[in-house]
Amino acid sequence: MIKVSDIKIRPYEDDRAVFIKACKKARVDERKVKYFRLSKKSLDARNKKDIFFTCSAELSLTPYKREQKVYGKVKSSANVLVVGMGPAGLFCALDLLRYGLKVTLIERGKSVDERENSVNLFIQDRVLDQDSNIQFGEGGAGAFSDGKLNTGVGGVYAREVIDDFLLFGAPSEIDYLQKPHIGSDNLKSVVKNIRNEIIRLGGKVLFSTKLTDLEIIGDKVKSVTINGQKQIFDEIVLAVGHSARDIYYMLNDRGVKLESKDFAVGFRIEHLQSDINLSQYGEFATVKGMPVADYKLVSNFNGRGVFTFCMCPGGYVMPSQSENGSIVTNGMSNFKRDGQNANSAVICQVGKKDFGESLFGGVEYQKSLEISAYNLGGGNFVAPISLVGDYLTGKVSTSLGKVKPTYPMGVKQVDLQKLFSSEINDSIKFAITDMGRKLKGFDCYDGVLTGVESRTSSPIRVLRKDNYSSVSAENLYPCGEGCGYAGGITSAGADGKKVAKAIALKYGFEQN
């Protein structure tokens, strides 16, 4: 295998140009190459007068096939319950079956197609299904996002998540792009393909099926209650997502050790995507082959970190509540990222000084913000918004500027400062202005802020040991973002794989 790096191509050049330049750099005859793979492609836009892609590639003069991971098989009839069908639950269930264990995978929400119908019904008729919505259902909250796969968590498990996404139909670009994304439109079909493979391998998949209780005796879960019926499993994986508040309270009632954790709250901020493109690319903004521009910005004021999160180029602000009488926002983009607006969360770190010392202080703080946002919007799931300039200066306009909000259930211009304490408002206002110095136009008056962004991560962590089991029950496995161990699709999927391997090791799987 010949590996070639530092291959530069212009935005208007395609992958064929990478092949030609790789062969030239490796000094091999193009006609003799039997295998070629683009392994990395990242945009270098530091100099707006000279923007290019930097690529790496692999090629071979003999036929070559990339190896797939070989899973050892356990000699056990152990039955594992996996709760939740977000990325953590899906990848955990998939790998458990590959190891040869029996798996029942349950999800309180509906299948991804039926779930999409629930979301559309909510937007059109304002009828919220509290168990099947943008937070709950097959695919998890990420199914209605951008499907971003970039993560700060590396290693073999993160790579396996990418490989599995490719195996089940994700766009080939995720294999080599520095900032890979699947897109919400593609993610739904990929999720269905994973579910079908779980079923093919012998897994049982149950929708509209809710875990409501655990019976813990000593240091072991003896039974679970699902849809009102007691059942027995050897191992239980909790991959419930960060909005499963009822699960947190139930675990606490049953003596499972939890801890409160910091998270972040704020708004969705929208700009014209064309303005973001211009700010990031300058005169290259309209050059053929340029990707839709994104950004990632950080700031700090009086010791509080403020940062952008879940940036959705060409995307939409979505109504993401899972409880009536509340407003929750999130961002979504399709694969082409061809919407008129760019949006991201602009959020401020919060902790015990904001919501108190009690275990569920963060949960209750989230809920209070979401209810306040609902009331500020005037009810009926209308979202409260503000022009960026109004928020910075304490005004309330009666008309919009060039940026039209994409939140689909109606908006009302209000004083968004009423949502937060003066300390949090001061931090966010400073950060928006500071970010405007780093990205021209970020603080433009016509930008739109929509409240409230509150479900950035879990406010609770379910404590676990080094072998991934709960500190309170040896056969209970807290997993993924909802239990405090991940922050995005890839890291959640990787955590699911780690938990699956830990369970397989417990049953002595043999490597082939």
Protein backbone atom coordinates (compact mmCIF):
# COMPACT_ATOMS: atom_id res chain seq x y z
CA MET A 1 0.00 0.00 0.00
CA ILE A 2 1.35 3.40 -0.99
CA LYS A 3 0.17 6.36 1.10
CA VAL A 4 0.38 9.86 -0.31
CA SER A 5 -0.35 13.03 1.66
CA ASP A 6 -0.37 16.80 1.14
CA ILE A 7 -2.13 16.66 -2.23
CA LYS A 8 -3.57 20.08 -3.06
CA ILE A 9 -6.52 20.58 -5.36
CA ARG A 10 -8.67 23.58 -6.17
CA PRO A 11 -12.37 23.66 -5.29
CA TYR A 12 -13.40 23.22 -8.92
CA GLU A 13 -11.26 20.09 -9.31
CA ASP A 14 -12.84 16.68 -8.64
CA ASP A 15 -11.56 13.46 -7.08
CA ARG A 16 -10.05 12.42 -10.40
CA ALA A 17 -7.57 15.24 -9.93
CA VAL A 18 -6.58 13.74 -6.57
CA PHE A 19 -5.89 10.41 -8.27
CA ILE A 20 -3.75 11.97 -10.98
CA LYS A 21 -1.73 14.07 -8.54
CA ALA A 22 -1.32 11.14 -6.12
CA CYS A 23 0.08 8.94 -8.89
CA LYS A 24 2.43 11.69 -9.97
CA LYS A 25 3.63 12.29 -6.43
CA ALA A 26 4.12 8.54 -5.86
CA ARG A 27 5.81 8.21 -9.26
CA VAL A 28 3.60 5.38 -10.42
CA ASP A 29 1.87 4.78 -13.76
CA GLU A 30 -1.86 5.55 -13.47
CA ARG A 31 -2.64 2.56 -15.69
CA LYS A 32 -1.00 0.15 -13.22
CA VAL A 33 -3.01 1.24 -10.18
CA LYS A 34 -5.44 -1.49 -9.06
CA TYR A 35 -6.74 0.19 -5.92
CA PHE A 36 -7.25 3.83 -5.01
CA ARG A 37 -8.89 5.46 -2.00
CA LEU A 38 -9.23 9.07 -0.99
CA SER A 39 -8.57 8.92 2.78
CA LYS A 40 -8.74 12.58 3.80
CA LYS A 41 -10.04 15.81 2.34
CA SER A 42 -10.03 19.07 4.27
CA LEU A 43 -10.60 22.65 3.21
CA ASP A 44 -7.87 25.23 3.91
CA ALA A 45 -9.56 28.63 3.91
CA ARG A 46 -7.10 30.50 6.11
CA ASN A 47 -6.05 32.69 3.19
CA LYS A 48 -9.25 33.89 1.54
CA LYS A 49 -7.32 34.71 -1.64
CA ASP A 50 -5.92 31.19 -1.92
CA ILE A 51 -8.43 28.53 -0.83
CA PHE A 52 -7.78 24.88 -1.61
CA PHE A 53 -8.39 21.33 -0.42
CA THR A 54 -5.61 19.28 1.15
CA CYS A 55 -6.00 15.55 0.51
CA SER A 56 -4.43 12.24 1.42
CA ALA A 57 -4.82 9.03 -0.55
CA GLU A 58 -3.93 5.35 -0.63
CA LEU A 59 -3.11 3.39 -3.76
CA SER A 60 -1.85 -0.06 -4.62
CA LEU A 61 -0.48 -1.75 -7.73
CA THR A 62 -2.17 -4.99 -6.71
CA PRO A 63 -5.84 -5.64 -5.94
CA TYR A 64 -6.68 -4.71 -2.36
CA LYS A 65 -9.75 -4.97 -0.17
CA ARG A 66 -10.13 -3.10 3.11
CA GLU A 67 -10.49 -5.45 6.04
CA GLN A 68 -13.73 -5.56 7.98
CA LYS A 69 -13.64 -6.10 11.73
CA VAL A 70 -14.09 -9.73 12.75
CA TYR A 71 -16.28 -10.20 15.81
CA GLY A 72 -15.62 -13.12 18.13
CA LYS A 73 -18.58 -15.21 19.26
CA VAL A 74 -19.57 -15.80 22.86
CA LYS A 75 -20.64 -19.19 24.16
CA SER A 76 -23.64 -17.94 26.09
CA SER A 77 -27.39 -17.65 25.84
CA ALA A 78 -27.41 -14.39 27.83
CA ASN A 79 -30.25 -12.05 26.89
CA VAL A 80 -29.54 -8.32 26.80
CA LEU A 81 -32.10 -5.53 26.91
CA VAL A 82 -31.05 -2.32 25.15
CA VAL A 83 -33.23 0.68 25.96
CA GLY A 84 -33.26 3.43 23.35
CA MET A 85 -32.68 3.54 19.59
CA GLY A 86 -30.43 6.55 19.25
CA PRO A 87 -26.87 5.95 17.99
CA ALA A 88 -25.69 4.54 21.33
CA GLY A 89 -28.48 1.98 21.50
CA LEU A 90 -28.39 1.07 17.81
CA PHE A 91 -24.65 0.45 17.66
CA CYS A 92 -24.63 -1.32 21.02
CA ALA A 93 -27.42 -3.69 19.91
CA LEU A 94 -25.77 -4.27 16.54
CA ASP A 95 -22.41 -5.21 18.06
CA LEU A 96 -23.95 -7.36 20.80
CA LEU A 97 -25.60 -9.44 18.08
CA ARG A 98 -22.34 -9.62 16.16
CA TYR A 99 -20.75 -11.02 19.31
CA GLY A 100 -23.46 -13.66 19.40
CA LEU A 101 -25.58 -12.46 22.32
CA LYS A 102 -29.38 -12.29 22.34
CA VAL A 103 -30.77 -8.76 22.12
CA THR A 104 -34.11 -7.09 22.68
CA LEU A 105 -34.03 -3.44 21.57
CA ILE A 106 -36.87 -1.22 22.75
CA GLU A 107 -37.80 2.36 21.92
CA ARG A 108 -40.51 4.47 23.54
CA GLY A 109 -41.04 6.32 20.27
CA LYS A 110 -42.04 5.10 16.84
CA SER A 111 -40.13 3.87 13.81
CA VAL A 112 -38.40 6.63 11.90
CA ASP A 113 -41.10 6.90 9.21
CA GLU A 114 -43.96 6.94 11.72
CA ARG A 115 -41.96 9.31 13.87
CA GLU A 116 -41.62 11.71 10.94
CA ASN A 117 -45.41 11.63 10.63
CA SER A 118 -45.67 12.47 14.35
CA VAL A 119 -43.33 15.45 13.88
CA ASN A 120 -45.25 16.69 10.83
CA LEU A 121 -48.57 16.33 12.68
CA PHE A 122 -47.15 18.36 15.55
CA ILE A 123 -45.98 21.14 13.26
CA GLN A 124 -49.21 21.23 11.25
CA ASP A 125 -51.86 20.60 13.93
CA ARG A 126 -49.92 21.36 17.16
CA VAL A 127 -50.64 17.90 18.54
CA LEU A 128 -47.53 16.75 20.41
CA ASP A 129 -46.87 13.04 20.88
CA GLN A 130 -44.73 13.14 24.03
CA ASP A 131 -43.17 9.75 23.29
CA SER A 132 -42.55 10.20 19.55
CA ASN A 133 -41.11 13.53 18.47
CA ILE A 134 -37.81 15.17 17.58
CA GLN A 135 -36.30 13.96 20.86
CA PHE A 136 -37.74 10.42 21.03
CA GLY A 137 -38.01 7.72 18.39
CA GLU A 138 -35.88 5.55 16.14
CA GLY A 139 -32.59 7.30 15.40
CA GLY A 140 -32.66 9.50 18.49
CA ALA A 141 -32.48 13.29 18.50
CA GLY A 142 -29.74 13.15 15.85
CA ALA A 143 -32.18 11.88 13.23
CA PHE A 144 -33.58 15.41 13.03
CA SER A 145 -30.26 17.23 12.99
CA ASP A 146 -27.48 17.65 10.46
CA GLY A 147 -26.16 14.15 10.96
CA LYS A 148 -22.74 15.58 11.82
CA LEU A 149 -20.11 12.93 12.51
CA ASN A 150 -17.11 15.08 13.39
CA THR A 151 -16.11 14.54 16.99
CA GLY A 152 -13.34 15.27 19.44
CA VAL A 153 -13.38 11.60 20.40
CA GLY A 154 -11.05 9.57 18.20
CA GLY A 155 -9.84 6.01 18.32
CA VAL A 156 -10.89 2.69 16.89
CA TYR A 157 -14.53 2.82 18.00
CA ALA A 158 -15.17 6.18 16.35
CA ARG A 159 -13.68 4.79 13.14
CA GLU A 160 -15.91 1.72 13.42
CA VAL A 161 -18.97 3.99 13.67
CA ILE A 162 -17.98 5.66 10.39
CA ASP A 163 -17.36 2.27 8.75
CA ASP A 164 -20.76 1.01 9.86
CA PHE A 165 -22.51 4.12 8.60
CA LEU A 166 -20.86 3.52 5.22
CA LEU A 167 -21.89 -0.12 5.33
CA PHE A 168 -25.52 0.84 5.85
CA GLY A 169 -25.77 3.44 3.11
CA ALA A 170 -24.32 6.73 4.31
CA PRO A 171 -22.77 8.99 1.61
CA SER A 172 -19.26 7.86 0.65
CA GLU A 173 -17.85 11.31 1.47
CA ILE A 174 -18.02 10.61 5.21
CA ASP A 175 -15.07 8.25 4.74
CA TYR A 176 -12.63 11.07 4.05
CA LEU A 177 -14.10 14.51 4.76
CA GLN A 178 -12.59 16.33 7.70
CA LYS A 179 -16.09 17.39 8.80
CA PRO A 180 -18.33 14.52 7.67
CA HIS A 181 -22.10 14.77 7.77
CA ILE A 182 -24.88 12.45 6.63
CA GLY A 183 -27.76 14.91 6.50
CA SER A 184 -31.10 14.41 8.20
CA ASP A 185 -32.68 13.20 4.96
CA ASN A 186 -30.09 10.42 4.47
CA LEU A 187 -29.83 9.52 8.13
CA LYS A 188 -33.37 8.21 8.26
CA SER A 189 -32.75 5.53 5.62
CA VAL A 190 -29.40 4.60 7.18
CA VAL A 191 -31.09 4.11 10.55
CA LYS A 192 -33.68 1.82 8.96
CA ASN A 193 -30.91 -0.22 7.35
CA ILE A 194 -29.22 -0.69 10.73
CA ARG A 195 -32.53 -1.75 12.28
CA ASN A 196 -33.10 -4.28 9.50
CA GLU A 197 -29.63 -5.73 10.07
CA ILE A 198 -30.35 -6.04 13.79
CA ILE A 199 -33.49 -7.99 12.94
CA ARG A 200 -31.64 -10.13 10.37
CA LEU A 201 -29.09 -11.07 13.03
CA GLY A 202 -31.90 -12.26 15.30
CA GLY A 203 -32.52 -9.18 17.41
CA LYS A 204 -36.01 -8.29 18.58
CA VAL A 205 -36.98 -4.64 17.92
CA LEU A 206 -40.00 -3.14 19.68
CA PHE A 207 -41.36 0.38 19.13
CA SER A 208 -43.80 2.28 21.37
CA THR A 209 -42.29 0.23 24.17
CA LYS A 210 -41.34 2.01 27.36
CA LEU A 211 -39.16 1.09 30.30
CA THR A 212 -40.93 2.33 33.44
CA ASP A 213 -39.25 0.59 36.36
CA LEU A 214 -36.32 -1.49 37.60
CA GLU A 215 -36.30 -3.94 40.46
CA ILE A 216 -32.86 -3.89 42.07
CA ILE A 217 -31.97 -6.40 44.74
CA GLY A 218 -28.48 -6.15 46.19
CA ASP A 219 -26.15 -5.15 43.39
CA LYS A 220 -28.19 -6.53 40.51
CA VAL A 221 -31.25 -5.67 38.46
CA LYS A 222 -33.60 -8.59 39.01
CA SER A 223 -36.41 -7.48 36.70
CA VAL A 224 -37.58 -4.57 34.53
CA THR A 225 -41.07 -3.25 33.93
CA ILE A 226 -41.84 -2.60 30.28
CA ASN A 227 -45.25 -1.31 29.23
CA GLY A 228 -46.58 -2.38 32.62
CA GLN A 229 -45.23 -5.93 32.52
CA LYS A 230 -42.31 -7.35 34.50
CA GLN A 231 -39.61 -9.06 32.45
CA ILE A 232 -36.22 -10.57 33.23
CA PHE A 233 -32.98 -9.94 31.31
CA ASP A 234 -29.39 -10.84 32.13
CA GLU A 235 -27.99 -7.42 31.21
CA ILE A 236 -29.65 -4.02 30.71
CA VAL A 237 -28.17 -1.19 28.66
CA LEU A 238 -29.60 2.29 29.24
CA ALA A 239 -29.16 4.35 26.07
CA VAL A 240 -32.15 6.56 26.72
CA GLY A 241 -31.05 9.97 25.40
CA HIS A 242 -30.73 13.27 27.25
CA SER A 243 -34.48 14.05 27.33
CA ALA A 244 -35.61 10.93 29.23
CA ARG A 245 -36.26 12.84 32.46
CA ASP A 246 -38.66 10.22 33.78
CA ILE A 247 -35.84 7.65 33.64
CA TYR A 248 -33.57 9.85 35.78
CA TYR A 249 -36.21 10.18 38.48
CA MET A 250 -37.01 6.47 38.39
CA LEU A 251 -33.33 5.51 38.69
CA ASN A 252 -32.92 7.80 41.67
CA ASP A 253 -35.99 6.28 43.32
CA ARG A 254 -34.47 2.83 42.86
CA GLY A 255 -31.16 3.81 44.45
CA VAL A 256 -29.05 4.06 41.27
CA LYS A 257 -26.26 6.55 41.89
CA LEU A 258 -26.50 9.73 39.81
CA GLU A 259 -24.78 13.08 39.85
CA SER A 260 -25.69 16.53 38.59
CA LYS A 261 -23.50 17.90 35.81
CA ASP A 262 -22.92 21.18 34.04
CA PHE A 263 -24.40 21.80 30.60
CA ALA A 264 -25.13 24.86 28.45
CA VAL A 265 -28.15 26.95 27.47
CA GLY A 266 -28.87 29.76 25.05
CA PHE A 267 -30.49 30.39 21.69
CA ARG A 268 -30.49 29.36 18.05
CA ILE A 269 -28.90 32.10 15.95
CA GLU A 270 -29.73 32.46 12.23
CA HIS A 271 -27.96 34.34 9.45
CA LEU A 272 -28.23 34.27 5.69
CA GLN A 273 -26.09 31.37 4.49
CA SER A 274 -24.79 33.56 1.66
CA ASP A 275 -23.42 36.01 4.25
CA ILE A 276 -21.65 33.20 6.13
CA ASN A 277 -20.19 31.95 2.84
CA LEU A 278 -18.90 35.44 2.05
CA SER A 279 -17.42 35.91 5.51
CA GLN A 280 -15.63 32.57 5.41
CA TYR A 281 -14.55 32.45 1.78
CA GLY A 282 -14.37 36.02 0.52
CA GLU A 283 -14.10 36.15 -3.27
CA PHE A 284 -14.13 32.32 -3.38
CA ALA A 285 -17.69 32.23 -2.00
CA THR A 286 -19.24 31.75 -5.43
CA VAL A 287 -16.52 29.55 -6.93
CA LYS A 288 -17.81 26.23 -8.25
CA GLY A 289 -17.07 23.34 -5.90
CA MET A 290 -16.93 25.36 -2.69
CA PRO A 291 -18.77 23.63 0.16
CA VAL A 292 -21.45 25.46 2.09
CA ALA A 293 -19.57 27.33 4.82
CA ASP A 294 -19.79 26.48 8.49
CA TYR A 295 -18.15 27.90 11.61
CA LYS A 296 -17.21 27.06 15.18
CA LEU A 297 -16.71 29.97 17.55
CA VAL A 298 -15.80 30.26 21.23
CA SER A 299 -15.65 33.10 23.71
CA ASN A 300 -15.41 33.68 27.44
CA PHE A 301 -16.80 36.31 29.78
CA ASN A 302 -16.22 36.42 33.53
CA GLY A 303 -15.16 32.80 33.57
CA ARG A 304 -18.15 31.51 31.60
CA GLY A 305 -17.53 29.75 28.34
CA VAL A 306 -19.85 30.65 25.47
CA PHE A 307 -19.65 28.74 22.21
CA THR A 308 -21.50 27.82 19.05
CA PHE A 309 -22.76 24.27 18.87
CA CYS A 310 -24.46 21.99 16.34
CA MET A 311 -23.96 24.42 13.45
CA CYS A 312 -26.35 23.62 10.59
CA PRO A 313 -25.35 25.19 7.26
CA GLY A 314 -28.32 25.79 4.96
CA GLY A 315 -30.55 24.52 7.74
CA TYR A 316 -33.70 25.06 9.74
CA VAL A 317 -34.63 25.73 13.37
CA MET A 318 -36.88 22.91 14.55
CA PRO A 319 -39.47 22.63 17.37
CA SER A 320 -37.86 19.98 19.55
CA GLN A 321 -39.94 19.82 22.70
CA SER A 322 -41.01 16.52 24.22
CA GLU A 323 -43.41 18.02 26.78
CA ASN A 324 -46.49 20.15 26.35
CA GLY A 325 -46.39 23.80 27.40
CA SER A 326 -42.74 24.20 26.48
CA ILE A 327 -40.48 25.49 23.71
CA VAL A 328 -37.23 23.70 22.82
CA THR A 329 -35.21 24.47 19.69
CA ASN A 330 -32.67 22.48 17.72
CA GLY A 331 -31.12 22.76 14.27
CA MET A 332 -31.50 20.51 11.22
CA SER A 333 -29.91 20.34 7.77
CA ASN A 334 -30.41 18.00 4.84
CA PHE A 335 -27.42 16.55 3.03
CA LYS A 336 -27.31 19.27 0.36
CA ARG A 337 -27.48 21.99 3.00
CA ASP A 338 -29.36 24.12 0.51
CA GLY A 339 -31.62 26.14 2.82
CA GLN A 340 -31.44 29.94 2.77
CA ASN A 341 -30.27 30.32 6.37
CA ALA A 342 -27.38 29.12 8.46
CA ASN A 343 -28.11 28.39 12.10
CA SER A 344 -26.31 27.21 15.18
CA ALA A 345 -26.77 27.22 18.91
CA VAL A 346 -25.00 30.02 20.74
CA ILE A 347 -24.87 28.75 24.29
CA CYS A 348 -23.46 29.60 27.69
CA GLN A 349 -22.13 27.16 30.26
CA VAL A 350 -24.28 26.79 33.37
CA GLY A 351 -23.71 24.93 36.60
CA LYS A 352 -24.73 24.64 40.22
CA LYS A 353 -24.38 28.39 40.83
CA ASP A 354 -27.25 28.80 38.34
CA PHE A 355 -29.55 25.94 39.33
CA GLY A 356 -28.55 24.97 42.85
CA GLU A 357 -27.00 21.99 44.60
CA SER A 358 -29.89 19.54 44.36
CA LEU A 359 -29.46 16.47 42.18
CA PHE A 360 -32.25 17.47 39.80
CA GLY A 361 -31.55 21.20 39.88
CA GLY A 362 -30.31 21.15 36.29
CA VAL A 363 -33.33 19.20 35.05
CA GLU A 364 -35.72 21.59 36.77
CA TYR A 365 -33.77 24.57 35.44
CA GLN A 366 -34.12 23.22 31.89
CA LYS A 367 -37.84 22.75 32.37
CA SER A 368 -38.29 26.26 33.78
CA LEU A 369 -36.50 27.81 30.79
CA GLU A 370 -38.62 25.83 28.35
CA ILE A 371 -41.86 26.85 30.07
CA SER A 372 -40.71 30.49 30.20
CA ALA A 373 -39.93 30.41 26.47
CA TYR A 374 -43.41 29.01 25.78
CA ASN A 375 -45.02 31.79 27.81
CA LEU A 376 -42.85 34.47 26.19
CA GLY A 377 -44.02 33.28 22.79
CA GLY A 378 -47.63 33.59 23.89
CA GLY A 379 -48.41 29.87 23.91
CA ASN A 380 -49.54 27.49 21.16
CA PHE A 381 -45.88 26.52 20.53
CA VAL A 382 -45.06 29.94 19.04
CA ALA A 383 -41.35 30.57 19.62
CA PRO A 384 -39.99 33.79 21.13
CA ILE A 385 -37.44 35.51 18.91
CA SER A 386 -35.35 38.65 18.85
CA LEU A 387 -33.18 40.40 16.32
CA VAL A 388 -29.56 40.07 17.39
CA GLY A 389 -29.23 43.84 17.54
CA ASP A 390 -32.34 44.13 19.71
CA TYR A 391 -31.00 41.55 22.15
CA LEU A 392 -27.69 43.38 22.39
CA THR A 393 -29.32 46.78 22.99
CA GLY A 394 -32.42 45.82 24.97
CA LYS A 395 -34.95 46.77 22.31
CA VAL A 396 -37.92 44.95 20.78
CA SER A 397 -38.58 45.51 17.07
CA THR A 398 -41.93 44.99 15.39
CA SER A 399 -40.52 43.86 12.05
CA LEU A 400 -37.80 41.59 10.71
CA GLY A 401 -34.76 42.45 8.64
CA LYS A 402 -33.17 40.43 5.86
CA VAL A 403 -33.04 37.19 7.90
CA LYS A 404 -36.39 35.39 8.05
CA PRO A 405 -36.74 32.86 10.89
CA THR A 406 -37.17 29.24 9.82
CA TYR A 407 -38.92 27.99 12.97
CA PRO A 408 -42.11 26.57 11.39
CA MET A 409 -44.77 27.08 14.08
CA GLY A 410 -44.84 30.85 14.28
CA VAL A 411 -42.64 33.38 16.07
CA LYS A 412 -43.12 36.42 18.26
CA GLN A 413 -40.59 39.21 18.74
CA VAL A 414 -39.93 39.72 22.44
CA ASP A 415 -37.24 40.74 24.90
CA LEU A 416 -35.27 37.50 25.08
CA GLN A 417 -33.25 38.82 28.00
CA LYS A 418 -36.22 37.81 30.15
CA LEU A 419 -35.27 34.15 29.73
CA PHE A 420 -31.96 34.31 31.57
CA SER A 421 -30.23 35.90 34.51
CA SER A 422 -28.28 39.10 33.89
CA GLU A 423 -25.05 37.15 34.32
CA ILE A 424 -25.91 34.71 31.54
CA ASN A 425 -27.26 37.48 29.30
CA ASP A 426 -24.09 39.52 29.80
CA SER A 427 -21.97 36.50 28.84
CA ILE A 428 -23.97 35.74 25.70
CA LYS A 429 -24.09 39.39 24.62
CA PHE A 430 -20.34 39.79 25.07
CA ALA A 431 -19.75 36.56 23.16
CA ILE A 432 -21.93 37.52 20.19
CA THR A 433 -20.04 40.79 19.83
CA ASP A 434 -16.71 39.01 20.30
CA MET A 435 -17.66 36.36 17.74
CA GLY A 436 -18.59 39.16 15.35
CA ARG A 437 -14.95 40.23 15.43
CA LYS A 438 -13.89 36.68 14.52
CA LEU A 439 -16.57 36.08 11.87
CA LYS A 440 -17.74 39.18 10.08
CA GLY A 441 -21.50 39.63 10.31
CA PHE A 442 -22.08 37.19 13.17
CA ASP A 443 -23.33 40.09 15.29
CA CYS A 444 -25.27 41.78 12.47
CA TYR A 445 -28.42 43.53 13.68
CA ASP A 446 -30.70 41.51 11.36
CA GLY A 447 -29.61 38.12 12.67
CA VAL A 448 -32.37 36.21 14.47
CA LEU A 449 -32.19 34.60 17.90
CA THR A 450 -34.80 31.95 18.74
CA GLY A 451 -35.35 30.63 22.26
CA VAL A 452 -34.65 28.40 23.88
CA GLU A 453 -31.74 26.03 23.27
CA SER A 454 -31.75 23.92 26.41
CA ARG A 455 -31.16 20.26 25.49
CA THR A 456 -27.48 20.59 24.61
CA SER A 457 -26.43 17.68 26.82
CA SER A 458 -27.68 15.71 29.77
CA PRO A 459 -27.89 17.56 33.10
CA ILE A 460 -27.43 14.18 34.83
CA ARG A 461 -24.72 11.55 34.77
CA VAL A 462 -25.49 7.94 35.71
CA LEU A 463 -22.29 6.84 37.42
CA ARG A 464 -20.51 3.78 36.08
CA LYS A 465 -17.35 1.79 36.74
CA ASP A 466 -14.35 1.16 34.50
CA ASN A 467 -16.09 -1.94 33.12
CA TYR A 468 -18.98 0.34 31.99
CA SER A 469 -21.50 -1.09 34.45
CA SER A 470 -23.38 1.11 36.89
CA VAL A 471 -21.74 1.59 40.30
CA SER A 472 -25.12 0.55 41.73
CA ALA A 473 -25.93 -2.59 39.74
CA GLU A 474 -23.43 -4.88 38.04
CA ASN A 475 -25.75 -5.77 35.15
CA LEU A 476 -26.94 -2.22 34.40
CA TYR A 477 -24.96 -0.28 31.79
CA PRO A 478 -25.41 3.51 31.48
CA CYS A 479 -24.58 4.38 27.88
CA GLY A 480 -24.37 7.30 25.49
CA GLU A 481 -25.29 10.94 25.70
CA GLY A 482 -28.35 10.57 27.90
CA CYS A 483 -26.35 9.01 30.73
CA GLY A 484 -23.59 11.60 30.45
CA TYR A 485 -20.96 9.75 28.39
CA ALA A 486 -21.12 11.24 24.91
CA GLY A 487 -21.77 14.44 23.00
CA GLY A 488 -22.94 13.76 19.46
CA ILE A 489 -23.70 10.97 17.03
CA THR A 490 -20.20 9.52 16.63
CA SER A 491 -19.21 9.63 20.30
CA ALA A 492 -22.59 8.14 21.30
CA GLY A 493 -22.23 5.34 18.76
CA ALA A 494 -18.67 4.70 19.94
CA ASP A 495 -19.85 4.49 23.55
CA GLY A 496 -22.48 1.96 22.51
CA LYS A 497 -19.77 -0.16 20.92
CA LYS A 498 -17.60 0.06 24.04
CA VAL A 499 -20.48 -1.11 26.23
CA ALA A 500 -21.24 -3.97 23.83
CA LYS A 501 -17.64 -5.16 23.99
CA ALA A 502 -17.61 -4.90 27.79
CA ILE A 503 -20.68 -7.15 27.98
CA ALA A 504 -19.20 -9.60 25.46
CA LEU A 505 -15.98 -9.76 27.51
CA LYS A 506 -18.06 -10.58 30.57
CA TYR A 507 -19.30 -13.67 28.73
CA GLY A 508 -15.83 -14.62 27.44
CA PHE A 509 -16.11 -14.06 23.72
CA GLU A 510 -13.49 -15.87 21.64
CA GLN A 511 -11.70 -13.97 18.86
CA ASN A 512 -11.78 -15.80 15.52
